[in-house]
Amino acid sequence: MEINFKFDDKPLRELQKKVKELDGERKVALSELLPDDFIRQYTNYQTLQEMIDASGIKNTEEIGNKEFSKFIAAHTQFPTWEKMLQVAATSYYKRQLGL
């Protein structure tokens, strides 16, 4: 048995356009990279600000230092800050692509 099917490539073209827009280096706000739903899913906190406050860091330059990475290992599902950023980046790109 066969059925007739017409492929609509509009969604594919839209996805290709989004991928092209994301190509290259970019600066992304930490709150955009780590939205509250991501924080709730992977950490012991409800918001990014709550997590940062609990970490005891005094300024953003301390994010990613050795002590902060230890905090991440103790209070999130990630062994290091770098691993958390990798997963967050993948999640960010999926959101941007509508996946």
N, C-alpha and C. Protein backbone atom coordinates (compact mmCIF):
# COMPACT_ATOMS: atom_id res chain seq x y z
N MET A 1 0.84 -1.18 0.00
CA MET A 1 0.00 0.00 0.00
C MET A 1 0.89 1.24 0.00
N GLU A 2 0.53 2.21 -0.77
CA GLU A 2 1.27 3.46 -0.85
C GLU A 2 0.31 4.62 -0.63
N ILE A 3 0.87 5.72 -0.12
CA ILE A 3 0.08 6.93 -0.01
C ILE A 3 0.85 8.06 -0.66
N ASN A 4 0.12 9.00 -1.17
CA ASN A 4 0.76 10.18 -1.74
C ASN A 4 1.12 11.14 -0.63
N PHE A 5 2.31 11.66 -0.72
CA PHE A 5 2.80 12.55 0.32
C PHE A 5 3.57 13.67 -0.34
N LYS A 6 3.24 14.89 0.03
CA LYS A 6 3.98 16.04 -0.49
C LYS A 6 4.81 16.62 0.64
N PHE A 7 6.12 16.66 0.44
CA PHE A 7 7.04 17.18 1.44
C PHE A 7 7.02 18.70 1.41
N ASP A 8 6.76 19.31 2.56
CA ASP A 8 6.80 20.77 2.70
C ASP A 8 8.14 21.13 3.30
N ASP A 9 9.01 21.77 2.52
CA ASP A 9 10.35 22.07 3.01
C ASP A 9 10.45 23.42 3.72
N LYS A 10 9.34 24.10 3.93
CA LYS A 10 9.37 25.39 4.62
C LYS A 10 9.95 25.27 6.03
N PRO A 11 9.52 24.30 6.86
CA PRO A 11 10.14 24.17 8.19
C PRO A 11 11.64 23.92 8.13
N LEU A 12 12.08 23.15 7.16
CA LEU A 12 13.50 22.87 7.00
C LEU A 12 14.26 24.15 6.62
N ARG A 13 13.70 24.93 5.72
CA ARG A 13 14.33 26.20 5.33
C ARG A 13 14.42 27.15 6.51
N GLU A 14 13.36 27.19 7.32
CA GLU A 14 13.37 28.04 8.51
C GLU A 14 14.44 27.59 9.50
N LEU A 15 14.57 26.29 9.68
CA LEU A 15 15.59 25.75 10.57
C LEU A 15 16.99 26.08 10.04
N GLN A 16 17.19 25.95 8.76
CA GLN A 16 18.49 26.28 8.17
C GLN A 16 18.82 27.75 8.38
N LYS A 17 17.83 28.61 8.27
CA LYS A 17 18.03 30.04 8.48
C LYS A 17 18.45 30.31 9.93
N LYS A 18 17.79 29.65 10.87
CA LYS A 18 18.13 29.83 12.29
C LYS A 18 19.54 29.33 12.58
N VAL A 19 19.91 28.21 11.99
CA VAL A 19 21.26 27.67 12.19
C VAL A 19 22.29 28.66 11.66
N LYS A 20 22.04 29.23 10.51
CA LYS A 20 22.97 30.19 9.93
C LYS A 20 23.10 31.43 10.82
N GLU A 21 21.99 31.87 11.41
CA GLU A 21 22.02 33.03 12.30
C GLU A 21 22.83 32.76 13.57
N LEU A 22 22.87 31.51 14.00
CA LEU A 22 23.60 31.15 15.22
C LEU A 22 25.08 30.87 14.97
N ASP A 23 25.48 30.79 13.72
CA ASP A 23 26.85 30.46 13.39
C ASP A 23 27.81 31.53 13.88
N GLY A 24 28.95 31.11 14.36
CA GLY A 24 29.99 32.05 14.78
C GLY A 24 29.98 32.30 16.27
N GLU A 25 30.88 33.16 16.68
CA GLU A 25 31.03 33.50 18.10
C GLU A 25 29.99 34.53 18.50
N ARG A 26 29.51 34.41 19.73
CA ARG A 26 28.52 35.36 20.22
C ARG A 26 28.63 35.51 21.72
N LYS A 27 28.16 36.65 22.21
CA LYS A 27 28.06 36.88 23.65
C LYS A 27 26.62 36.64 24.04
N VAL A 28 26.44 35.88 25.10
CA VAL A 28 25.11 35.55 25.59
C VAL A 28 25.06 35.88 27.08
N ALA A 29 24.01 36.58 27.49
CA ALA A 29 23.85 36.90 28.90
C ALA A 29 23.74 35.59 29.70
N LEU A 30 24.33 35.57 30.87
CA LEU A 30 24.30 34.39 31.71
C LEU A 30 22.86 33.98 32.01
N SER A 31 21.98 34.96 32.20
CA SER A 31 20.58 34.65 32.48
C SER A 31 19.88 34.02 31.28
N GLU A 32 20.36 34.29 30.08
CA GLU A 32 19.81 33.67 28.88
C GLU A 32 20.36 32.26 28.70
N LEU A 33 21.60 32.08 29.06
CA LEU A 33 22.24 30.77 28.96
C LEU A 33 21.72 29.82 30.04
N LEU A 34 21.46 30.39 31.22
CA LEU A 34 21.01 29.59 32.36
C LEU A 34 19.66 30.12 32.86
N PRO A 35 18.61 29.93 32.08
CA PRO A 35 17.29 30.42 32.53
C PRO A 35 16.83 29.65 33.77
N ASP A 36 15.86 30.22 34.45
CA ASP A 36 15.40 29.63 35.71
C ASP A 36 14.91 28.20 35.55
N ASP A 37 14.29 27.85 34.44
CA ASP A 37 13.84 26.46 34.28
C ASP A 37 15.03 25.50 34.21
N PHE A 38 16.13 25.93 33.61
CA PHE A 38 17.36 25.12 33.59
C PHE A 38 17.91 24.98 35.01
N ILE A 39 17.95 26.08 35.73
CA ILE A 39 18.45 26.08 37.11
C ILE A 39 17.61 25.13 37.98
N ARG A 40 16.29 25.22 37.86
CA ARG A 40 15.41 24.34 38.65
C ARG A 40 15.62 22.87 38.30
N GLN A 41 15.87 22.58 37.03
CA GLN A 41 16.03 21.20 36.59
C GLN A 41 17.34 20.58 37.07
N TYR A 42 18.41 21.34 37.07
CA TYR A 42 19.74 20.77 37.30
C TYR A 42 20.42 21.17 38.61
N THR A 43 19.79 22.04 39.40
CA THR A 43 20.45 22.49 40.62
C THR A 43 19.50 22.39 41.82
N ASN A 44 20.00 22.77 42.97
CA ASN A 44 19.19 22.80 44.19
C ASN A 44 18.48 24.15 44.37
N TYR A 45 18.46 24.97 43.33
CA TYR A 45 17.95 26.34 43.44
C TYR A 45 16.81 26.59 42.46
N GLN A 46 16.09 27.67 42.72
CA GLN A 46 14.95 28.03 41.89
C GLN A 46 15.31 29.04 40.79
N THR A 47 16.30 29.86 41.06
CA THR A 47 16.69 30.89 40.09
C THR A 47 18.22 30.98 40.01
N LEU A 48 18.68 31.56 38.94
CA LEU A 48 20.12 31.79 38.77
C LEU A 48 20.63 32.71 39.87
N GLN A 49 19.89 33.77 40.16
CA GLN A 49 20.32 34.70 41.19
C GLN A 49 20.43 34.02 42.55
N GLU A 50 19.47 33.17 42.87
CA GLU A 50 19.51 32.43 44.14
C GLU A 50 20.77 31.55 44.20
N MET A 51 21.09 30.90 43.10
CA MET A 51 22.28 30.05 43.07
C MET A 51 23.55 30.88 43.24
N ILE A 52 23.64 31.99 42.54
CA ILE A 52 24.82 32.85 42.64
C ILE A 52 24.96 33.39 44.06
N ASP A 53 23.84 33.84 44.64
CA ASP A 53 23.89 34.34 46.01
C ASP A 53 24.38 33.27 46.98
N ALA A 54 23.89 32.06 46.81
CA ALA A 54 24.26 30.95 47.70
C ALA A 54 25.73 30.56 47.53
N SER A 55 26.28 30.81 46.36
CA SER A 55 27.67 30.42 46.09
C SER A 55 28.67 31.24 46.87
N GLY A 56 28.28 32.43 47.29
CA GLY A 56 29.17 33.29 48.05
C GLY A 56 30.13 34.10 47.21
N ILE A 57 30.01 34.04 45.89
CA ILE A 57 30.92 34.86 45.08
C ILE A 57 30.55 36.33 45.23
N LYS A 58 31.53 37.18 45.13
CA LYS A 58 31.32 38.61 45.35
C LYS A 58 31.13 39.39 44.05
N ASN A 59 31.68 38.86 42.94
CA ASN A 59 31.52 39.53 41.65
C ASN A 59 31.59 38.50 40.53
N THR A 60 31.17 38.89 39.36
CA THR A 60 31.07 37.95 38.23
C THR A 60 32.42 37.39 37.80
N GLU A 61 33.51 38.08 38.11
CA GLU A 61 34.83 37.56 37.75
C GLU A 61 35.15 36.27 38.49
N GLU A 62 34.47 36.03 39.60
CA GLU A 62 34.71 34.81 40.37
C GLU A 62 33.97 33.60 39.81
N ILE A 63 33.03 33.84 38.92
CA ILE A 63 32.32 32.71 38.30
C ILE A 63 33.32 31.91 37.48
N GLY A 64 33.37 30.63 37.73
CA GLY A 64 34.29 29.77 37.01
C GLY A 64 35.59 29.49 37.73
N ASN A 65 35.83 30.21 38.85
CA ASN A 65 37.07 29.91 39.56
C ASN A 65 36.96 28.56 40.27
N LYS A 66 38.04 28.14 40.88
CA LYS A 66 38.11 26.82 41.51
C LYS A 66 37.04 26.63 42.60
N GLU A 67 36.84 27.63 43.42
CA GLU A 67 35.85 27.54 44.50
C GLU A 67 34.43 27.48 43.94
N PHE A 68 34.18 28.24 42.90
CA PHE A 68 32.86 28.22 42.29
C PHE A 68 32.59 26.85 41.66
N SER A 69 33.58 26.28 41.04
CA SER A 69 33.42 24.95 40.44
C SER A 69 33.14 23.90 41.52
N LYS A 70 33.78 24.04 42.69
CA LYS A 70 33.47 23.13 43.80
C LYS A 70 32.03 23.30 44.25
N PHE A 71 31.56 24.54 44.29
CA PHE A 71 30.17 24.82 44.66
C PHE A 71 29.23 24.14 43.65
N ILE A 72 29.54 24.26 42.37
CA ILE A 72 28.72 23.65 41.32
C ILE A 72 28.67 22.14 41.51
N ALA A 73 29.81 21.53 41.79
CA ALA A 73 29.85 20.08 41.99
C ALA A 73 29.01 19.65 43.19
N ALA A 74 28.95 20.47 44.22
CA ALA A 74 28.22 20.11 45.44
C ALA A 74 26.71 20.40 45.36
N HIS A 75 26.31 21.35 44.51
CA HIS A 75 24.92 21.81 44.52
C HIS A 75 24.18 21.69 43.19
N THR A 76 24.79 21.00 42.25
CA THR A 76 24.13 20.79 40.95
C THR A 76 24.36 19.35 40.51
N GLN A 77 23.83 19.02 39.37
CA GLN A 77 24.02 17.68 38.80
C GLN A 77 25.30 17.59 37.97
N PHE A 78 26.14 18.61 38.03
CA PHE A 78 27.34 18.66 37.21
C PHE A 78 28.61 18.55 38.05
N PRO A 79 29.62 17.88 37.52
CA PRO A 79 30.87 17.75 38.27
C PRO A 79 31.72 19.02 38.26
N THR A 80 31.51 19.88 37.25
CA THR A 80 32.29 21.11 37.13
C THR A 80 31.44 22.20 36.49
N TRP A 81 31.90 23.43 36.63
CA TRP A 81 31.26 24.57 35.98
C TRP A 81 31.34 24.42 34.45
N GLU A 82 32.46 23.92 33.96
CA GLU A 82 32.63 23.76 32.52
C GLU A 82 31.58 22.79 31.94
N LYS A 83 31.32 21.69 32.66
CA LYS A 83 30.31 20.72 32.19
C LYS A 83 28.92 21.35 32.24
N MET A 84 28.66 22.14 33.26
CA MET A 84 27.37 22.82 33.34
C MET A 84 27.20 23.76 32.15
N LEU A 85 28.24 24.48 31.80
CA LEU A 85 28.18 25.38 30.64
C LEU A 85 27.97 24.63 29.34
N GLN A 86 28.59 23.46 29.19
CA GLN A 86 28.41 22.67 27.97
C GLN A 86 26.95 22.26 27.81
N VAL A 87 26.34 21.77 28.88
CA VAL A 87 24.94 21.35 28.82
C VAL A 87 24.04 22.56 28.61
N ALA A 88 24.36 23.65 29.28
CA ALA A 88 23.57 24.88 29.13
C ALA A 88 23.64 25.41 27.69
N ALA A 89 24.81 25.33 27.08
CA ALA A 89 24.96 25.80 25.70
C ALA A 89 24.14 24.95 24.75
N THR A 90 24.15 23.65 24.94
CA THR A 90 23.33 22.76 24.10
C THR A 90 21.86 23.09 24.27
N SER A 91 21.44 23.30 25.49
CA SER A 91 20.06 23.66 25.78
C SER A 91 19.70 25.01 25.15
N TYR A 92 20.61 25.95 25.23
CA TYR A 92 20.42 27.28 24.64
C TYR A 92 20.21 27.17 23.13
N TYR A 93 21.07 26.41 22.47
CA TYR A 93 20.95 26.26 21.02
C TYR A 93 19.64 25.57 20.63
N LYS A 94 19.24 24.59 21.39
CA LYS A 94 17.97 23.93 21.12
C LYS A 94 16.81 24.91 21.23
N ARG A 95 16.84 25.76 22.26
CA ARG A 95 15.79 26.77 22.41
C ARG A 95 15.80 27.74 21.23
N GLN A 96 16.98 28.17 20.84
CA GLN A 96 17.08 29.13 19.74
C GLN A 96 16.60 28.52 18.42
N LEU A 97 16.78 27.22 18.26
CA LEU A 97 16.36 26.55 17.03
C LEU A 97 14.91 26.06 17.09
N GLY A 98 14.29 26.19 18.25
CA GLY A 98 12.91 25.76 18.40
C GLY A 98 12.76 24.25 18.46
N LEU A 99 13.77 23.58 18.97
CA LEU A 99 13.73 22.12 19.05
C LEU A 99 13.26 21.65 20.41
